[in-house]
Amino acid sequence: MNLPNTLTLIRIIMIPIFMVVLLVRTPEGAAYFACQDYIAGALFIIASATDGIDGYIARKYHLVTNLGKFLDPLADKLLVSAALIALVQLGTVPAWIVWVILAREFAITGIRAIAAADGVVIAASKLGKWKTVSQLLAIALLILRDWPLSALNIHLGQPLLYIALALTIISGVDYIWKSKQLFITRK
């Protein structure tokens, strides 16, 4: 197994560890230990960073594999989904926002599967990449409760979440529009 795929597997393995650190609470809902949210935030940020690193290494050193093409987007979706679901459980993120984000991910995954069956590869668009970055930043800030900006009474996690939601919808519509030929019945 090459280095990019190993990094992707590490990202997947980090997800349950991150979730346990974030979600294990006292019966009253308080953190069990000091800095628990910050440790969870650090784990999320490290896992998120491996996404860019593994892709960079794979492209630069021509280490792109079918396994990597499968695992990398799966790892991204698992990480974002796990974090958003955990934030719903903690009462930080409204469930409807997570539903919209996950619905878009399922829809685009389905479109990519249809395209792949026809031998067509749908690459990630710039909008899709901005969507991912905005989601990762919003999630990290929400986990960290906007630290260190909160010390200056600046709270960007929630506004960035709504920007991520808008980019999620816009990029989803863009993918569907660009893929409309896949849905035309052929004889």
C-alpha atoms as a PDB file:
ATOM      1  CA  MET A   1       0.000   0.000   0.000  1.00  0.00           C
ATOM      2  CA  ASN A   2       1.388   3.401  -0.962  1.00  0.00           C
ATOM      3  CA  LEU A   3       1.738   6.458   1.291  1.00  0.00           C
ATOM      4  CA  PRO A   4      -1.359   8.375   0.075  1.00  0.00           C
ATOM      5  CA  ASN A   5      -3.593   5.334   0.651  1.00  0.00           C
ATOM      6  CA  THR A   6      -2.021   4.777   4.068  1.00  0.00           C
ATOM      7  CA  LEU A   7      -2.781   8.402   5.002  1.00  0.00           C
ATOM      8  CA  THR A   8      -6.371   7.932   3.840  1.00  0.00           C
ATOM      9  CA  LEU A   9      -6.727   4.797   5.985  1.00  0.00           C
ATOM     10  CA  ILE A  10      -5.276   6.688   8.949  1.00  0.00           C
ATOM     11  CA  ARG A  11      -7.950   9.362   8.385  1.00  0.00           C
ATOM     12  CA  ILE A  12     -10.663   6.697   8.455  1.00  0.00           C
ATOM     13  CA  ILE A  13      -9.216   5.127  11.618  1.00  0.00           C
ATOM     14  CA  MET A  14      -9.090   8.562  13.300  1.00  0.00           C
ATOM     15  CA  ILE A  15     -12.840   9.104  12.863  1.00  0.00           C
ATOM     16  CA  PRO A  16     -14.091   6.854  15.695  1.00  0.00           C
ATOM     17  CA  ILE A  17     -11.304   8.109  17.963  1.00  0.00           C
ATOM     18  CA  PHE A  18     -12.311  11.710  17.213  1.00  0.00           C
ATOM     19  CA  MET A  19     -15.979  10.887  17.861  1.00  0.00           C
ATOM     20  CA  VAL A  20     -15.285   9.222  21.206  1.00  0.00           C
ATOM     21  CA  VAL A  21     -13.184  12.173  22.356  1.00  0.00           C
ATOM     22  CA  LEU A  22     -15.857  14.642  21.247  1.00  0.00           C
ATOM     23  CA  LEU A  23     -18.958  12.796  22.438  1.00  0.00           C
ATOM     24  CA  VAL A  24     -18.032  11.095  25.714  1.00  0.00           C
ATOM     25  CA  ARG A  25     -19.686  13.321  28.310  1.00  0.00           C
ATOM     26  CA  THR A  26     -20.769  13.252  31.923  1.00  0.00           C
ATOM     27  CA  PRO A  27     -24.450  12.489  32.571  1.00  0.00           C
ATOM     28  CA  GLU A  28     -24.958  16.256  32.823  1.00  0.00           C
ATOM     29  CA  GLY A  29     -23.450  16.740  29.348  1.00  0.00           C
ATOM     30  CA  ALA A  30     -20.182  18.285  30.475  1.00  0.00           C
ATOM     31  CA  ALA A  31     -16.786  17.255  29.137  1.00  0.00           C
ATOM     32  CA  TYR A  32     -15.069  14.526  31.138  1.00  0.00           C
ATOM     33  CA  PHE A  33     -11.680  16.199  31.066  1.00  0.00           C
ATOM     34  CA  ALA A  34     -10.171  19.622  30.485  1.00  0.00           C
ATOM     35  CA  CYS A  35      -9.506  20.537  26.873  1.00  0.00           C
ATOM     36  CA  GLN A  36     -11.643  17.633  25.614  1.00  0.00           C
ATOM     37  CA  ASP A  37     -13.195  19.735  22.825  1.00  0.00           C
ATOM     38  CA  TYR A  38      -9.786  21.116  21.867  1.00  0.00           C
ATOM     39  CA  ILE A  39      -8.322  17.622  21.597  1.00  0.00           C
ATOM     40  CA  ALA A  40     -11.310  16.567  19.471  1.00  0.00           C
ATOM     41  CA  GLY A  41     -10.810  19.690  17.350  1.00  0.00           C
ATOM     42  CA  ALA A  42      -7.126  18.907  16.901  1.00  0.00           C
ATOM     43  CA  LEU A  43      -7.953  15.345  15.841  1.00  0.00           C
ATOM     44  CA  PHE A  44     -10.504  16.674  13.344  1.00  0.00           C
ATOM     45  CA  ILE A  45      -8.031  19.201  11.932  1.00  0.00           C
ATOM     46  CA  ILE A  46      -5.286  16.575  11.603  1.00  0.00           C
ATOM     47  CA  ALA A  47      -7.677  14.164   9.889  1.00  0.00           C
ATOM     48  CA  SER A  48      -8.850  16.963   7.572  1.00  0.00           C
ATOM     49  CA  ALA A  49      -5.265  17.919   6.722  1.00  0.00           C
ATOM     50  CA  THR A  50      -4.442  14.383   5.613  1.00  0.00           C
ATOM     51  CA  ASP A  51      -6.999  14.840   2.812  1.00  0.00           C
ATOM     52  CA  GLY A  52      -4.950  17.538   1.143  1.00  0.00           C
ATOM     53  CA  ILE A  53      -1.661  15.852   1.905  1.00  0.00           C
ATOM     54  CA  ASP A  54      -2.588  12.436   0.494  1.00  0.00           C
ATOM     55  CA  GLY A  55      -3.976  13.988  -2.692  1.00  0.00           C
ATOM     56  CA  TYR A  56      -0.891  16.147  -3.170  1.00  0.00           C
ATOM     57  CA  ILE A  57       1.478  13.205  -2.714  1.00  0.00           C
ATOM     58  CA  ALA A  58      -0.594  10.945  -4.981  1.00  0.00           C
ATOM     59  CA  ARG A  59      -0.597  13.479  -7.820  1.00  0.00           C
ATOM     60  CA  LYS A  60       2.989  14.670  -7.429  1.00  0.00           C
ATOM     61  CA  TYR A  61       4.527  11.199  -7.332  1.00  0.00           C
ATOM     62  CA  HIS A  62       2.037   9.512  -9.681  1.00  0.00           C
ATOM     63  CA  LEU A  63       0.686   7.273  -6.926  1.00  0.00           C
ATOM     64  CA  VAL A  64      -2.989   7.560  -7.882  1.00  0.00           C
ATOM     65  CA  THR A  65      -4.672   4.156  -7.519  1.00  0.00           C
ATOM     66  CA  ASN A  66      -8.182   2.797  -7.869  1.00  0.00           C
ATOM     67  CA  LEU A  67      -8.129   2.065  -4.141  1.00  0.00           C
ATOM     68  CA  GLY A  68      -7.268   5.707  -3.477  1.00  0.00           C
ATOM     69  CA  LYS A  69      -9.981   6.928  -5.849  1.00  0.00           C
ATOM     70  CA  PHE A  70     -12.458   4.877  -3.814  1.00  0.00           C
ATOM     71  CA  LEU A  71     -11.141   5.464  -0.282  1.00  0.00           C
ATOM     72  CA  ASP A  72     -10.342   9.187  -0.431  1.00  0.00           C
ATOM     73  CA  PRO A  73     -13.860  10.504  -1.134  1.00  0.00           C
ATOM     74  CA  LEU A  74     -15.296   7.871   1.219  1.00  0.00           C
ATOM     75  CA  ALA A  75     -12.977   9.043   4.008  1.00  0.00           C
ATOM     76  CA  ASP A  76     -13.976  12.669   3.377  1.00  0.00           C
ATOM     77  CA  LYS A  77     -17.680  11.882   3.531  1.00  0.00           C
ATOM     78  CA  LEU A  78     -17.269   9.721   6.645  1.00  0.00           C
ATOM     79  CA  LEU A  79     -15.285  12.426   8.448  1.00  0.00           C
ATOM     80  CA  VAL A  80     -17.673  15.274   7.613  1.00  0.00           C
ATOM     81  CA  SER A  81     -20.773  13.142   8.291  1.00  0.00           C
ATOM     82  CA  ALA A  82     -19.442  11.897  11.625  1.00  0.00           C
ATOM     83  CA  ALA A  83     -18.524  15.396  12.756  1.00  0.00           C
ATOM     84  CA  LEU A  84     -21.839  16.929  11.715  1.00  0.00           C
ATOM     85  CA  ILE A  85     -23.876  14.152  13.321  1.00  0.00           C
ATOM     86  CA  ALA A  86     -21.853  14.531  16.525  1.00  0.00           C
ATOM     87  CA  LEU A  87     -22.475  18.287  16.478  1.00  0.00           C
ATOM     88  CA  VAL A  88     -26.216  17.647  16.128  1.00  0.00           C
ATOM     89  CA  GLN A  89     -26.044  15.362  19.160  1.00  0.00           C
ATOM     90  CA  LEU A  90     -24.245  18.089  21.100  1.00  0.00           C
ATOM     91  CA  GLY A  91     -26.908  20.622  20.092  1.00  0.00           C
ATOM     92  CA  THR A  92     -24.463  22.780  18.138  1.00  0.00           C
ATOM     93  CA  VAL A  93     -25.790  22.250  14.601  1.00  0.00           C
ATOM     94  CA  PRO A  94     -29.439  22.026  13.490  1.00  0.00           C
ATOM     95  CA  ALA A  95     -30.347  18.597  12.117  1.00  0.00           C
ATOM     96  CA  TRP A  96     -31.949  20.051   8.969  1.00  0.00           C
ATOM     97  CA  ILE A  97     -28.605  21.513   7.872  1.00  0.00           C
ATOM     98  CA  VAL A  98     -26.938  18.124   8.250  1.00  0.00           C
ATOM     99  CA  TRP A  99     -29.769  16.517   6.295  1.00  0.00           C
ATOM    100  CA  VAL A 100     -29.276  18.947   3.386  1.00  0.00           C
ATOM    101  CA  ILE A 101     -25.512  18.389   3.370  1.00  0.00           C
ATOM    102  CA  LEU A 102     -25.839  14.597   3.527  1.00  0.00           C
ATOM    103  CA  ALA A 103     -28.595  14.551   0.889  1.00  0.00           C
ATOM    104  CA  ARG A 104     -26.291  16.445  -1.485  1.00  0.00           C
ATOM    105  CA  GLU A 105     -23.461  14.009  -0.811  1.00  0.00           C
ATOM    106  CA  PHE A 106     -25.677  10.984  -1.505  1.00  0.00           C
ATOM    107  CA  ALA A 107     -27.027  12.588  -4.690  1.00  0.00           C
ATOM    108  CA  ILE A 108     -23.596  13.460  -6.069  1.00  0.00           C
ATOM    109  CA  THR A 109     -22.232  10.026  -5.154  1.00  0.00           C
ATOM    110  CA  GLY A 110     -25.131   8.498  -7.081  1.00  0.00           C
ATOM    111  CA  ILE A 111     -24.464  10.720 -10.093  1.00  0.00           C
ATOM    112  CA  ARG A 112     -20.790   9.750 -10.019  1.00  0.00           C
ATOM    113  CA  ALA A 113     -21.761   6.058  -9.876  1.00  0.00           C
ATOM    114  CA  ILE A 114     -24.026   6.458 -12.914  1.00  0.00           C
ATOM    115  CA  ALA A 115     -21.264   8.320 -14.755  1.00  0.00           C
ATOM    116  CA  ALA A 116     -18.695   5.670 -13.831  1.00  0.00           C
ATOM    117  CA  ALA A 117     -20.974   2.964 -15.220  1.00  0.00           C
ATOM    118  CA  ASP A 118     -20.877   4.872 -18.524  1.00  0.00           C
ATOM    119  CA  GLY A 119     -17.092   5.232 -18.298  1.00  0.00           C
ATOM    120  CA  VAL A 120     -17.305   8.928 -17.422  1.00  0.00           C
ATOM    121  CA  VAL A 121     -15.274  10.424 -14.581  1.00  0.00           C
ATOM    122  CA  ILE A 122     -16.730  13.511 -12.906  1.00  0.00           C
ATOM    123  CA  ALA A 123     -13.892  15.409 -11.322  1.00  0.00           C
ATOM    124  CA  ALA A 124     -14.399  17.638  -8.321  1.00  0.00           C
ATOM    125  CA  SER A 125     -15.229  21.183  -9.376  1.00  0.00           C
ATOM    126  CA  LYS A 126     -13.834  24.339  -7.813  1.00  0.00           C
ATOM    127  CA  LEU A 127     -17.248  24.878  -6.206  1.00  0.00           C
ATOM    128  CA  GLY A 128     -17.074  21.374  -4.752  1.00  0.00           C
ATOM    129  CA  LYS A 129     -13.623  22.064  -3.350  1.00  0.00           C
ATOM    130  CA  TRP A 130     -14.760  25.381  -1.822  1.00  0.00           C
ATOM    131  CA  LYS A 131     -17.735  23.532  -0.341  1.00  0.00           C
ATOM    132  CA  THR A 132     -15.431  21.012   1.284  1.00  0.00           C
ATOM    133  CA  VAL A 133     -13.037  23.632   2.659  1.00  0.00           C
ATOM    134  CA  SER A 134     -15.901  25.731   4.051  1.00  0.00           C
ATOM    135  CA  GLN A 135     -17.450  22.647   5.680  1.00  0.00           C
ATOM    136  CA  LEU A 136     -14.150  21.606   7.262  1.00  0.00           C
ATOM    137  CA  LEU A 137     -13.449  25.127   8.553  1.00  0.00           C
ATOM    138  CA  ALA A 138     -16.978  25.538   9.931  1.00  0.00           C
ATOM    139  CA  ILE A 139     -16.860  22.155  11.651  1.00  0.00           C
ATOM    140  CA  ALA A 140     -13.434  22.829  13.167  1.00  0.00           C
ATOM    141  CA  LEU A 141     -14.562  26.214  14.496  1.00  0.00           C
ATOM    142  CA  LEU A 142     -17.779  24.745  15.899  1.00  0.00           C
ATOM    143  CA  ILE A 143     -15.918  21.931  17.660  1.00  0.00           C
ATOM    144  CA  LEU A 144     -13.428  24.433  19.083  1.00  0.00           C
ATOM    145  CA  ARG A 145     -16.248  26.847  19.989  1.00  0.00           C
ATOM    146  CA  ASP A 146     -14.587  29.469  17.752  1.00  0.00           C
ATOM    147  CA  TRP A 147     -11.312  29.367  19.673  1.00  0.00           C
ATOM    148  CA  PRO A 148      -9.039  31.365  19.467  1.00  0.00           C
ATOM    149  CA  LEU A 149     -11.298  33.989  17.862  1.00  0.00           C
ATOM    150  CA  SER A 150     -13.818  33.689  20.695  1.00  0.00           C
ATOM    151  CA  ALA A 151     -11.268  35.392  22.970  1.00  0.00           C
ATOM    152  CA  LEU A 152     -11.883  38.495  20.836  1.00  0.00           C
ATOM    153  CA  ASN A 153     -15.653  37.874  20.891  1.00  0.00           C
ATOM    154  CA  ILE A 154     -15.544  36.842  17.214  1.00  0.00           C
ATOM    155  CA  HIS A 155     -17.754  33.898  16.373  1.00  0.00           C
ATOM    156  CA  LEU A 156     -17.394  32.559  12.833  1.00  0.00           C
ATOM    157  CA  GLY A 157     -18.415  28.898  13.181  1.00  0.00           C
ATOM    158  CA  GLN A 158     -22.166  29.381  12.714  1.00  0.00           C
ATOM    159  CA  PRO A 159     -21.934  31.974   9.900  1.00  0.00           C
ATOM    160  CA  LEU A 160     -19.365  29.796   8.111  1.00  0.00           C
ATOM    161  CA  LEU A 161     -21.700  26.815   8.498  1.00  0.00           C
ATOM    162  CA  TYR A 162     -24.385  28.730   6.588  1.00  0.00           C
ATOM    163  CA  ILE A 163     -21.841  29.668   3.914  1.00  0.00           C
ATOM    164  CA  ALA A 164     -20.898  25.975   3.694  1.00  0.00           C
ATOM    165  CA  LEU A 165     -24.585  25.108   3.405  1.00  0.00           C
ATOM    166  CA  ALA A 166     -25.045  27.601   0.552  1.00  0.00           C
ATOM    167  CA  LEU A 167     -21.943  26.256  -1.245  1.00  0.00           C
ATOM    168  CA  THR A 168     -23.221  22.712  -0.677  1.00  0.00           C
ATOM    169  CA  ILE A 169     -26.503  23.528  -2.399  1.00  0.00           C
ATOM    170  CA  ILE A 170     -24.937  25.579  -5.204  1.00  0.00           C
ATOM    171  CA  SER A 171     -22.247  22.992  -5.967  1.00  0.00           C
ATOM    172  CA  GLY A 172     -24.850  20.210  -5.864  1.00  0.00           C
ATOM    173  CA  VAL A 173     -27.058  22.021  -8.382  1.00  0.00           C
ATOM    174  CA  ASP A 174     -23.945  22.673 -10.507  1.00  0.00           C
ATOM    175  CA  TYR A 175     -23.023  18.956 -10.529  1.00  0.00           C
ATOM    176  CA  ILE A 176     -26.580  17.966 -11.411  1.00  0.00           C
ATOM    177  CA  TRP A 177     -26.792  20.575 -14.186  1.00  0.00           C
ATOM    178  CA  LYS A 178     -23.446  19.514 -15.685  1.00  0.00           C
ATOM    179  CA  SER A 179     -24.489  15.849 -15.484  1.00  0.00           C
ATOM    180  CA  LYS A 180     -27.958  16.222 -16.995  1.00  0.00           C
ATOM    181  CA  GLN A 181     -26.903  14.203 -20.065  1.00  0.00           C
ATOM    182  CA  LEU A 182     -26.602  11.145 -17.814  1.00  0.00           C
ATOM    183  CA  PHE A 183     -30.344  11.236 -17.207  1.00  0.00           C
ATOM    184  CA  ILE A 184     -31.455  11.449 -20.800  1.00  0.00           C
ATOM    185  CA  THR A 185     -32.961   8.136 -21.856  1.00  0.00           C
ATOM    186  CA  ARG A 186     -30.981   6.462 -24.599  1.00  0.00           C
ATOM    187  CA  LYS A 187     -32.236   3.757 -26.906  1.00  0.00           C
END
